[in-house]
Protein backbone atom coordinates (compact mmCIF):
# COMPACT_ATOMS: atom_id res chain seq x y z
CA UNK A 1 17.16 14.08 15.15
CA UNK A 2 15.74 12.46 18.28
CA UNK A 3 17.66 10.10 20.51
CA UNK A 4 15.64 7.10 19.29
CA UNK A 5 16.33 8.02 15.66
CA UNK A 6 20.04 8.20 16.38
CA UNK A 7 19.98 4.77 18.05
CA UNK A 8 18.04 3.26 15.16
CA UNK A 9 20.28 4.84 12.51
CA UNK A 10 23.40 3.67 14.34
CA UNK A 11 22.23 0.06 14.70
CA UNK A 12 20.79 -0.25 11.21
CA UNK A 13 23.49 1.84 9.55
CA UNK A 14 20.70 3.38 7.48
CA UNK A 15 19.29 6.88 7.18
CA UNK A 16 15.65 7.65 7.85
CA UNK A 17 14.99 7.86 4.10
CA UNK A 18 16.54 4.45 3.50
CA UNK A 19 14.30 3.02 6.20
CA UNK A 20 11.26 4.52 4.47
CA UNK A 21 12.28 2.87 1.20
CA UNK A 22 12.53 -0.51 2.95
CA UNK A 23 9.08 -0.05 4.48
CA UNK A 24 7.62 0.84 1.07
CA UNK A 25 9.06 -2.42 -0.27
CA UNK A 26 7.24 -4.26 2.53
CA UNK A 27 3.94 -2.62 1.61
CA UNK A 28 4.24 -3.83 -1.98
CA UNK A 29 4.90 -7.46 -1.10
CA UNK A 30 2.25 -10.18 -1.33
CA UNK A 31 0.79 -11.54 1.91
CA UNK A 32 2.84 -14.76 1.83
CA UNK A 33 6.06 -12.76 1.71
CA UNK A 34 4.93 -10.54 4.57
CA UNK A 35 4.24 -13.62 6.68
CA UNK A 36 7.71 -14.98 5.88
CA UNK A 37 9.23 -11.67 6.92
CA UNK A 38 7.37 -11.73 10.23
CA UNK A 39 8.55 -15.28 10.90
CA UNK A 40 12.13 -14.15 10.35
CA UNK A 41 11.43 -11.00 12.37
CA UNK A 42 10.94 -13.01 15.56
CA UNK A 43 14.32 -14.69 15.37
CA UNK A 44 16.07 -11.41 14.51
CA UNK A 45 14.31 -9.70 17.42
CA UNK A 46 15.38 -12.32 19.97
CA UNK A 47 18.99 -12.17 18.78
CA UNK A 48 18.96 -8.39 19.10
CA UNK A 49 17.38 -8.59 22.54
CA UNK A 50 20.16 -10.85 23.77
CA UNK A 51 22.84 -8.46 22.53
CA UNK A 52 21.23 -5.09 23.34
CA UNK A 53 19.76 -5.11 26.86
CA UNK A 54 19.81 -1.34 27.28
CA UNK A 55 17.63 -0.54 24.21
CA UNK A 56 13.81 -0.42 24.62
CA UNK A 57 11.89 -3.35 23.19
CA UNK A 58 9.81 -1.16 20.87
CA UNK A 59 12.96 0.12 19.17
CA UNK A 60 14.38 -3.39 18.92
CA UNK A 61 11.12 -4.55 17.39
CA UNK A 62 11.28 -1.81 14.74
CA UNK A 63 14.93 -2.53 13.99
CA UNK A 64 14.27 -6.26 13.64
CA UNK A 65 11.41 -5.59 11.22
CA UNK A 66 13.58 -3.37 9.02
CA UNK A 67 16.40 -5.93 9.10
CA UNK A 68 14.03 -8.76 8.18
CA UNK A 69 12.58 -6.83 5.25
CA UNK A 70 16.05 -5.95 4.00
CA UNK A 71 17.20 -9.59 4.27
CA UNK A 72 14.14 -10.82 2.40
CA UNK A 73 14.52 -8.20 -0.32
CA UNK A 74 18.21 -8.97 -0.77
CA UNK A 75 17.46 -12.69 -1.16
CA UNK A 76 14.73 -12.51 -3.81
CA UNK A 77 15.60 -12.64 -7.49
CA UNK A 78 15.15 -9.92 -10.11
CA UNK A 79 11.91 -11.34 -11.49
CA UNK A 80 10.27 -11.09 -8.08
CA UNK A 81 11.58 -7.53 -7.67
CA UNK A 82 10.07 -6.57 -11.02
CA UNK A 83 6.79 -8.21 -10.00
CA UNK A 84 6.76 -6.09 -6.84
CA UNK A 85 7.23 -2.93 -8.92
CA UNK A 86 4.37 -3.89 -11.23
CA UNK A 87 2.12 -4.66 -8.25
CA UNK A 88 2.91 -1.29 -6.69
CA UNK A 89 1.97 0.55 -9.88
CA UNK A 90 -1.41 -1.16 -9.93
CA UNK A 91 -1.96 -0.25 -6.27
CA UNK A 92 -1.46 3.43 -7.01
CA UNK A 93 -4.65 3.55 -9.09
CA UNK A 94 -6.85 2.14 -6.34
CA UNK A 95 -7.63 5.37 -4.42
CA UNK A 96 -9.71 6.75 -7.30
CA UNK A 97 -11.63 3.49 -7.45
CA UNK A 98 -12.22 3.63 -3.70
CA UNK A 99 -13.47 7.21 -3.95
CA UNK A 100 -15.88 6.22 -6.72
CA UNK A 101 -17.14 3.26 -4.71
CA UNK A 102 -17.83 5.68 -1.86
CA UNK A 103 -19.91 7.82 -4.24
CA UNK A 104 -21.54 4.87 -6.00
CA UNK A 105 -25.05 5.57 -4.70
CA UNK A 106 -24.79 9.06 -6.25
CA UNK A 107 -23.56 7.61 -9.55
CA UNK A 108 -26.47 5.13 -9.60
CA UNK A 109 -28.96 7.89 -8.87
CA UNK A 110 -27.56 10.13 -11.61
CA UNK A 111 -27.56 7.29 -14.13
CA UNK A 112 -30.87 5.58 -13.31
CA UNK A 113 -33.10 8.34 -11.97
CA UNK A 114 -31.69 11.47 -13.62
CA UNK A 115 -30.85 9.68 -16.91
CA UNK A 116 -27.39 11.22 -17.24
CA UNK A 117 -24.80 9.63 -19.47
CA UNK A 118 -21.53 8.42 -18.01
CA UNK A 119 -19.73 11.37 -19.61
CA UNK A 120 -22.19 13.78 -17.95
CA UNK A 121 -21.72 12.00 -14.63
CA UNK A 122 -17.95 12.45 -14.95
CA UNK A 123 -18.46 16.18 -15.51
CA UNK A 124 -20.86 16.34 -12.54
CA UNK A 125 -18.35 14.60 -10.25
CA UNK A 126 -15.57 16.92 -11.39
CA UNK A 127 -17.62 20.10 -10.95
CA UNK A 128 -19.44 19.40 -7.69
CA UNK A 129 -17.29 16.82 -5.92
CA UNK A 130 -13.77 17.63 -7.23
CA UNK A 131 -13.33 14.05 -8.46
CA UNK A 132 -11.74 13.82 -11.88
CA UNK A 133 -12.38 10.43 -13.41
CA UNK A 134 -12.23 9.12 -16.96
CA UNK A 135 -15.41 7.97 -18.62
CA UNK A 136 -13.82 4.61 -19.36
CA UNK A 137 -13.08 4.09 -15.66
CA UNK A 138 -16.66 4.88 -14.75
CA UNK A 139 -17.89 2.60 -17.54
CA UNK A 140 -15.73 -0.28 -16.29
CA UNK A 141 -17.05 0.15 -12.74
CA UNK A 142 -20.64 0.44 -13.98
CA UNK A 143 -20.22 -2.77 -15.93
CA UNK A 144 -18.58 -4.50 -12.96
CA UNK A 145 -21.16 -3.47 -10.37
CA UNK A 146 -24.42 -3.07 -12.22
CA UNK A 147 -24.33 -5.18 -15.38
CA UNK A 148 -22.68 -8.23 -13.83
CA UNK A 149 -24.91 -7.96 -10.77
CA UNK A 150 -27.98 -8.29 -12.98
CA UNK A 151 -26.56 -11.42 -14.60
């Protein structure tokens, strides 16, 4: 454990893993909540700076962010906490969508020029690009990008 980690753990009274959990909570929050946390972060930072002159500002900034997130999370009700969990589950599925969007020109070429079905395109992506995607996912994206674009 580095000296900075020891200082942070001592001031926060939290382990490194607990800090990671708090930061994951921050990632899942909506933008308005993040802005509220940053507003509170400033006041927490200035209070810490008055009390702890010997600690570097970067460490104080990190500590104040963690403290602000923890305060915000402790003050929200259970419905909001459940909403955050649901939002985080929907965010987990996004990387596959992003990968498919990156390969969308290939998908269009296979569908329009090579006349492959969506099921055949899924097999092609799995075999040659190591992307395993469900046909229904590809169909939903095709409908979203190509069908709605025509309308």
